[in-house]
Amino acid sequence: MAETLNFDNAPAGTSPEGWTLTKTGKGEPKWTVEAEPTAPSKPNVFKQSGRATFPVAIKSDTSIRDGFVEVKFKAVAGSEDRAAGIIWRAKDPDNYYVVRANALEDNVVPYKTINGLRTSLEIVGRRGGYGVRTPVPSGQWHVLRCNFAGSRFKVTYDGRPLFEVEDTTIARAGMIGLWTKADSVTLFDDLTYGEIK
């Protein structure tokens, strides 16, 4: 069963219900529902416009071990970073998996965050390296998705399979969520997630 959140039932300028709006590290994240004329599903988007080490929004009532999470995002601004990420198997704001697309670096990179410390994950079939280079134009909507089952995670970007990751660190069910970095101003819409039996 998949669920899609389009953030259209919360008034602009407020926070959506059922979320823990927080951060990994230090800073002041700012997660709000805002009206956005370019939204894939009008009228609203979920916007992060604060500044923190890693602004994190966790969907508090989710618990998925094997499933998927997908979101449409638009990287708007940010001089230090311009990133959008999806989180899965989150225990709390300091323990989760995340894959993120970065418009300044033009790459998509998978990580695990354990006790607040972020480490990039190796890609299956490759030794070393850092994610996968791919264009992430600012000011355009993109789709980021991860299917996760057991220790295998498959990442898709704009409908194209990008890479797979094998990792056993977080084996239990956890929450899904959204992620940005530093001074990223990022819009999110149409967050879809669900379990895969």
C-alpha atoms as a PDB file:
ATOM      1  CA  MET A   1       0.000   0.000   0.000  1.00  0.00           C
ATOM      2  CA  ALA A   2       1.497   3.300  -1.102  1.00  0.00           C
ATOM      3  CA  GLU A   3       0.684   6.652   0.428  1.00  0.00           C
ATOM      4  CA  THR A   4       1.268  10.002  -1.298  1.00  0.00           C
ATOM      5  CA  LEU A   5       1.581  13.311   0.536  1.00  0.00           C
ATOM      6  CA  ASN A   6       1.142  16.447  -1.561  1.00  0.00           C
ATOM      7  CA  PHE A   7       1.074  18.950   1.353  1.00  0.00           C
ATOM      8  CA  ASP A   8      -2.052  20.604  -0.071  1.00  0.00           C
ATOM      9  CA  ASN A   9      -4.296  20.174   2.995  1.00  0.00           C
ATOM     10  CA  ALA A  10      -2.074  22.279   5.305  1.00  0.00           C
ATOM     11  CA  PRO A  11      -2.335  26.093   5.130  1.00  0.00           C
ATOM     12  CA  ALA A  12       0.659  27.882   3.603  1.00  0.00           C
ATOM     13  CA  GLY A  13       3.147  29.059   6.223  1.00  0.00           C
ATOM     14  CA  THR A  14       2.357  26.224   8.653  1.00  0.00           C
ATOM     15  CA  SER A  15       3.980  22.862   9.354  1.00  0.00           C
ATOM     16  CA  PRO A  16       2.259  19.663   8.217  1.00  0.00           C
ATOM     17  CA  GLU A  17       0.905  17.367  10.938  1.00  0.00           C
ATOM     18  CA  GLY A  18       2.621  14.111  11.822  1.00  0.00           C
ATOM     19  CA  TRP A  19       6.169  15.276  11.187  1.00  0.00           C
ATOM     20  CA  THR A  20       9.232  15.752  13.384  1.00  0.00           C
ATOM     21  CA  LEU A  21      10.912  18.837  11.897  1.00  0.00           C
ATOM     22  CA  THR A  22      14.461  18.835  13.136  1.00  0.00           C
ATOM     23  CA  LYS A  23      18.114  18.453  12.172  1.00  0.00           C
ATOM     24  CA  THR A  24      21.211  16.318  12.434  1.00  0.00           C
ATOM     25  CA  GLY A  25      23.950  18.438  13.988  1.00  0.00           C
ATOM     26  CA  LYS A  26      23.585  22.159  14.686  1.00  0.00           C
ATOM     27  CA  GLY A  27      21.578  25.056  13.283  1.00  0.00           C
ATOM     28  CA  GLU A  28      18.055  26.294  12.697  1.00  0.00           C
ATOM     29  CA  PRO A  29      16.173  24.380  10.022  1.00  0.00           C
ATOM     30  CA  LYS A  30      12.914  25.859   8.739  1.00  0.00           C
ATOM     31  CA  TRP A  31      10.386  23.405   7.292  1.00  0.00           C
ATOM     32  CA  THR A  32       7.104  24.980   6.113  1.00  0.00           C
ATOM     33  CA  VAL A  33       4.258  24.330   3.717  1.00  0.00           C
ATOM     34  CA  GLU A  34       4.274  27.072   1.060  1.00  0.00           C
ATOM     35  CA  ALA A  35       2.224  27.952  -2.010  1.00  0.00           C
ATOM     36  CA  GLU A  36       4.269  27.332  -5.171  1.00  0.00           C
ATOM     37  CA  PRO A  37       3.021  28.015  -8.724  1.00  0.00           C
ATOM     38  CA  THR A  38       5.336  25.370 -10.237  1.00  0.00           C
ATOM     39  CA  ALA A  39       4.282  22.610  -7.793  1.00  0.00           C
ATOM     40  CA  PRO A  40       3.792  19.243  -9.536  1.00  0.00           C
ATOM     41  CA  SER A  41       0.526  18.922  -7.575  1.00  0.00           C
ATOM     42  CA  LYS A  42      -0.758  22.427  -6.878  1.00  0.00           C
ATOM     43  CA  PRO A  43      -1.014  24.546  -4.832  1.00  0.00           C
ATOM     44  CA  ASN A  44       1.521  23.679  -2.084  1.00  0.00           C
ATOM     45  CA  VAL A  45       5.002  22.282  -1.549  1.00  0.00           C
ATOM     46  CA  PHE A  46       7.045  21.399   1.532  1.00  0.00           C
ATOM     47  CA  LYS A  47       9.949  23.852   1.742  1.00  0.00           C
ATOM     48  CA  GLN A  48      13.194  23.836   3.715  1.00  0.00           C
ATOM     49  CA  SER A  49      14.658  27.352   3.917  1.00  0.00           C
ATOM     50  CA  GLY A  50      16.575  27.349   7.205  1.00  0.00           C
ATOM     51  CA  ARG A  51      20.211  26.600   7.824  1.00  0.00           C
ATOM     52  CA  ALA A  52      21.636  23.618   9.727  1.00  0.00           C
ATOM     53  CA  THR A  53      24.250  20.908   9.372  1.00  0.00           C
ATOM     54  CA  PHE A  54      21.553  18.620   7.935  1.00  0.00           C
ATOM     55  CA  PRO A  55      17.916  19.793   8.146  1.00  0.00           C
ATOM     56  CA  VAL A  56      15.744  16.681   8.570  1.00  0.00           C
ATOM     57  CA  ALA A  57      11.969  16.131   8.401  1.00  0.00           C
ATOM     58  CA  ILE A  58      10.850  12.720   9.657  1.00  0.00           C
ATOM     59  CA  LYS A  59       7.358  11.275   9.120  1.00  0.00           C
ATOM     60  CA  SER A  60       6.746  10.249  12.732  1.00  0.00           C
ATOM     61  CA  ASP A  61       4.031   7.626  12.175  1.00  0.00           C
ATOM     62  CA  THR A  62       5.892   5.512   9.592  1.00  0.00           C
ATOM     63  CA  SER A  63       7.702   2.229  10.240  1.00  0.00           C
ATOM     64  CA  ILE A  64       8.978   0.436   7.142  1.00  0.00           C
ATOM     65  CA  ARG A  65      11.695  -2.188   6.843  1.00  0.00           C
ATOM     66  CA  ASP A  66      11.275  -3.223   3.206  1.00  0.00           C
ATOM     67  CA  GLY A  67       9.656  -0.693   0.928  1.00  0.00           C
ATOM     68  CA  PHE A  68      10.246   2.443  -1.075  1.00  0.00           C
ATOM     69  CA  VAL A  69      10.284   6.204  -0.749  1.00  0.00           C
ATOM     70  CA  GLU A  70      10.050   8.648  -3.643  1.00  0.00           C
ATOM     71  CA  VAL A  71       9.802  12.440  -3.826  1.00  0.00           C
ATOM     72  CA  LYS A  72       9.718  15.218  -6.391  1.00  0.00           C
ATOM     73  CA  PHE A  73      12.147  18.009  -5.530  1.00  0.00           C
ATOM     74  CA  LYS A  74      13.410  21.315  -6.837  1.00  0.00           C
ATOM     75  CA  ALA A  75      16.737  22.756  -5.683  1.00  0.00           C
ATOM     76  CA  VAL A  76      16.163  26.519  -5.516  1.00  0.00           C
ATOM     77  CA  ALA A  77      19.157  28.147  -3.846  1.00  0.00           C
ATOM     78  CA  GLY A  78      22.191  27.654  -1.628  1.00  0.00           C
ATOM     79  CA  SER A  79      25.804  28.732  -2.011  1.00  0.00           C
ATOM     80  CA  GLU A  80      27.345  26.219   0.388  1.00  0.00           C
ATOM     81  CA  ASP A  81      25.072  23.399  -0.682  1.00  0.00           C
ATOM     82  CA  ARG A  82      22.002  22.812  -2.839  1.00  0.00           C
ATOM     83  CA  ALA A  83      20.739  19.369  -1.935  1.00  0.00           C
ATOM     84  CA  ALA A  84      17.618  17.217  -1.645  1.00  0.00           C
ATOM     85  CA  GLY A  85      17.498  13.835   0.035  1.00  0.00           C
ATOM     86  CA  ILE A  86      15.169  11.041   1.078  1.00  0.00           C
ATOM     87  CA  ILE A  87      15.557   9.130   4.330  1.00  0.00           C
ATOM     88  CA  TRP A  88      14.589   5.567   5.211  1.00  0.00           C
ATOM     89  CA  ARG A  89      14.838   3.282   8.259  1.00  0.00           C
ATOM     90  CA  ALA A  90      15.272   6.316  10.509  1.00  0.00           C
ATOM     91  CA  LYS A  91      15.376   5.597  14.220  1.00  0.00           C
ATOM     92  CA  ASP A  92      15.793   9.292  15.090  1.00  0.00           C
ATOM     93  CA  PRO A  93      17.455  12.421  13.595  1.00  0.00           C
ATOM     94  CA  ASP A  94      20.903  10.887  14.222  1.00  0.00           C
ATOM     95  CA  ASN A  95      20.384   7.380  12.772  1.00  0.00           C
ATOM     96  CA  TYR A  96      19.110   6.753   9.236  1.00  0.00           C
ATOM     97  CA  TYR A  97      19.932   5.993   5.623  1.00  0.00           C
ATOM     98  CA  VAL A  98      19.787   8.857   3.131  1.00  0.00           C
ATOM     99  CA  VAL A  99      20.373   9.281  -0.581  1.00  0.00           C
ATOM    100  CA  ARG A 100      20.728  12.815  -1.833  1.00  0.00           C
ATOM    101  CA  ALA A 101      20.995  14.697  -5.115  1.00  0.00           C
ATOM    102  CA  ASN A 102      23.191  17.809  -5.184  1.00  0.00           C
ATOM    103  CA  ALA A 103      22.765  20.582  -7.751  1.00  0.00           C
ATOM    104  CA  LEU A 104      26.154  22.177  -7.017  1.00  0.00           C
ATOM    105  CA  GLU A 105      28.092  18.921  -7.381  1.00  0.00           C
ATOM    106  CA  ASP A 106      25.859  17.283 -10.038  1.00  0.00           C
ATOM    107  CA  ASN A 107      25.842  13.943  -8.278  1.00  0.00           C
ATOM    108  CA  VAL A 108      23.659  11.524  -6.336  1.00  0.00           C
ATOM    109  CA  VAL A 109      25.261   9.939  -3.252  1.00  0.00           C
ATOM    110  CA  PRO A 110      24.044   7.332  -0.713  1.00  0.00           C
ATOM    111  CA  TYR A 111      24.989   7.616   2.970  1.00  0.00           C
ATOM    112  CA  LYS A 112      24.323   6.162   6.368  1.00  0.00           C
ATOM    113  CA  THR A 113      24.134   8.447   9.397  1.00  0.00           C
ATOM    114  CA  ILE A 114      24.984   6.667  12.645  1.00  0.00           C
ATOM    115  CA  ASN A 115      24.988   8.585  15.949  1.00  0.00           C
ATOM    116  CA  GLY A 116      25.012  11.809  13.954  1.00  0.00           C
ATOM    117  CA  LEU A 117      28.042  10.837  11.842  1.00  0.00           C
ATOM    118  CA  ARG A 118      27.504  10.636   8.078  1.00  0.00           C
ATOM    119  CA  THR A 119      29.455   8.151   5.921  1.00  0.00           C
ATOM    120  CA  SER A 120      29.048   7.625   2.177  1.00  0.00           C
ATOM    121  CA  LEU A 121      28.178   4.074   1.083  1.00  0.00           C
ATOM    122  CA  GLU A 122      29.934   2.078  -1.612  1.00  0.00           C
ATOM    123  CA  ILE A 123      28.096   1.323  -4.809  1.00  0.00           C
ATOM    124  CA  VAL A 124      27.628  -2.330  -5.776  1.00  0.00           C
ATOM    125  CA  GLY A 125      30.050  -3.444  -8.486  1.00  0.00           C
ATOM    126  CA  ARG A 126      32.523  -0.649  -7.875  1.00  0.00           C
ATOM    127  CA  ARG A 127      35.479  -0.097  -5.569  1.00  0.00           C
ATOM    128  CA  GLY A 128      35.663   3.281  -3.841  1.00  0.00           C
ATOM    129  CA  GLY A 129      34.396   6.467  -5.437  1.00  0.00           C
ATOM    130  CA  TYR A 130      31.693   8.836  -4.259  1.00  0.00           C
ATOM    131  CA  GLY A 131      28.165   8.388  -5.560  1.00  0.00           C
ATOM    132  CA  VAL A 132      27.339   8.785  -9.245  1.00  0.00           C
ATOM    133  CA  ARG A 133      27.824  11.901 -11.355  1.00  0.00           C
ATOM    134  CA  THR A 134      24.599  13.026 -13.014  1.00  0.00           C
ATOM    135  CA  PRO A 135      23.173  16.448 -13.910  1.00  0.00           C
ATOM    136  CA  VAL A 136      20.923  17.951 -11.213  1.00  0.00           C
ATOM    137  CA  PRO A 137      19.859  21.309 -12.716  1.00  0.00           C
ATOM    138  CA  SER A 138      18.648  23.900 -10.187  1.00  0.00           C
ATOM    139  CA  GLY A 139      15.203  25.400 -10.656  1.00  0.00           C
ATOM    140  CA  GLN A 140      13.770  22.226 -12.203  1.00  0.00           C
ATOM    141  CA  TRP A 141      11.672  19.459 -10.702  1.00  0.00           C
ATOM    142  CA  HIS A 142      13.318  16.031 -10.408  1.00  0.00           C
ATOM    143  CA  VAL A 143      12.290  12.664  -8.960  1.00  0.00           C
ATOM    144  CA  LEU A 144      14.435  10.745  -6.459  1.00  0.00           C
ATOM    145  CA  ARG A 145      13.475   7.232  -5.371  1.00  0.00           C
ATOM    146  CA  CYS A 146      14.922   4.414  -3.306  1.00  0.00           C
ATOM    147  CA  ASN A 147      13.619   0.849  -3.118  1.00  0.00           C
ATOM    148  CA  PHE A 148      15.009  -0.926  -0.066  1.00  0.00           C
ATOM    149  CA  ALA A 149      14.708  -4.595   0.909  1.00  0.00           C
ATOM    150  CA  GLY A 150      16.968  -6.424   3.325  1.00  0.00           C
ATOM    151  CA  SER A 151      20.485  -5.078   2.832  1.00  0.00           C
ATOM    152  CA  ARG A 152      19.982  -4.026  -0.819  1.00  0.00           C
ATOM    153  CA  PHE A 153      18.949  -0.499  -1.848  1.00  0.00           C
ATOM    154  CA  LYS A 154      18.143   0.527  -5.430  1.00  0.00           C
ATOM    155  CA  VAL A 155      18.281   4.226  -6.291  1.00  0.00           C
ATOM    156  CA  THR A 156      16.391   5.748  -9.229  1.00  0.00           C
ATOM    157  CA  TYR A 157      16.726   9.355 -10.404  1.00  0.00           C
ATOM    158  CA  ASP A 158      14.313  10.963 -12.888  1.00  0.00           C
ATOM    159  CA  GLY A 159      12.982   7.507 -13.736  1.00  0.00           C
ATOM    160  CA  ARG A 160      16.417   6.052 -14.505  1.00  0.00           C
ATOM    161  CA  PRO A 161      18.035   3.330 -12.354  1.00  0.00           C
ATOM    162  CA  LEU A 162      21.246   4.898 -11.067  1.00  0.00           C
ATOM    163  CA  PHE A 163      22.948   2.422  -8.718  1.00  0.00           C
ATOM    164  CA  GLU A 164      22.530  -0.191  -6.001  1.00  0.00           C
ATOM    165  CA  VAL A 165      23.981  -0.273  -2.501  1.00  0.00           C
ATOM    166  CA  GLU A 166      24.540  -3.181  -0.111  1.00  0.00           C
ATOM    167  CA  ASP A 167      24.633  -2.339   3.612  1.00  0.00           C
ATOM    168  CA  THR A 168      23.593  -4.154   6.781  1.00  0.00           C
ATOM    169  CA  THR A 169      24.104  -1.426   9.423  1.00  0.00           C
ATOM    170  CA  ILE A 170      20.420  -0.580   9.987  1.00  0.00           C
ATOM    171  CA  ALA A 171      18.400  -3.761   9.595  1.00  0.00           C
ATOM    172  CA  ARG A 172      15.231  -2.783  11.464  1.00  0.00           C
ATOM    173  CA  ALA A 173      12.123  -0.999  10.277  1.00  0.00           C
ATOM    174  CA  GLY A 174      12.222   2.765  10.687  1.00  0.00           C
ATOM    175  CA  MET A 175      10.678   6.033   9.615  1.00  0.00           C
ATOM    176  CA  ILE A 176      10.943   7.752   6.250  1.00  0.00           C
ATOM    177  CA  GLY A 177      11.686  11.416   5.742  1.00  0.00           C
ATOM    178  CA  LEU A 178      13.279  14.278   3.854  1.00  0.00           C
ATOM    179  CA  TRP A 179      16.728  15.829   4.138  1.00  0.00           C
ATOM    180  CA  THR A 180      18.762  18.825   3.000  1.00  0.00           C
ATOM    181  CA  LYS A 181      22.181  20.220   3.854  1.00  0.00           C
ATOM    182  CA  ALA A 182      23.608  23.524   5.098  1.00  0.00           C
ATOM    183  CA  ASP A 183      21.994  26.542   3.382  1.00  0.00           C
ATOM    184  CA  SER A 184      20.022  24.567   0.780  1.00  0.00           C
ATOM    185  CA  VAL A 185      16.639  26.033  -0.108  1.00  0.00           C
ATOM    186  CA  THR A 186      14.723  23.053  -1.450  1.00  0.00           C
ATOM    187  CA  LEU A 187      11.108  22.377  -2.412  1.00  0.00           C
ATOM    188  CA  PHE A 188       9.515  18.930  -2.058  1.00  0.00           C
ATOM    189  CA  ASP A 189       6.199  17.619  -3.388  1.00  0.00           C
ATOM    190  CA  ASP A 190       4.371  14.332  -3.964  1.00  0.00           C
ATOM    191  CA  LEU A 191       6.195  12.260  -1.362  1.00  0.00           C
ATOM    192  CA  THR A 192       5.188   8.645  -1.977  1.00  0.00           C
ATOM    193  CA  TYR A 193       6.148   5.748   0.269  1.00  0.00           C
ATOM    194  CA  GLY A 194       5.019   2.270   1.169  1.00  0.00           C
ATOM    195  CA  GLU A 195       5.894  -1.240   2.206  1.00  0.00           C
ATOM    196  CA  ILE A 196       6.904  -3.972  -0.199  1.00  0.00           C
ATOM    197  CA  LYS A 197       5.834  -7.376   0.996  1.00  0.00           C
END
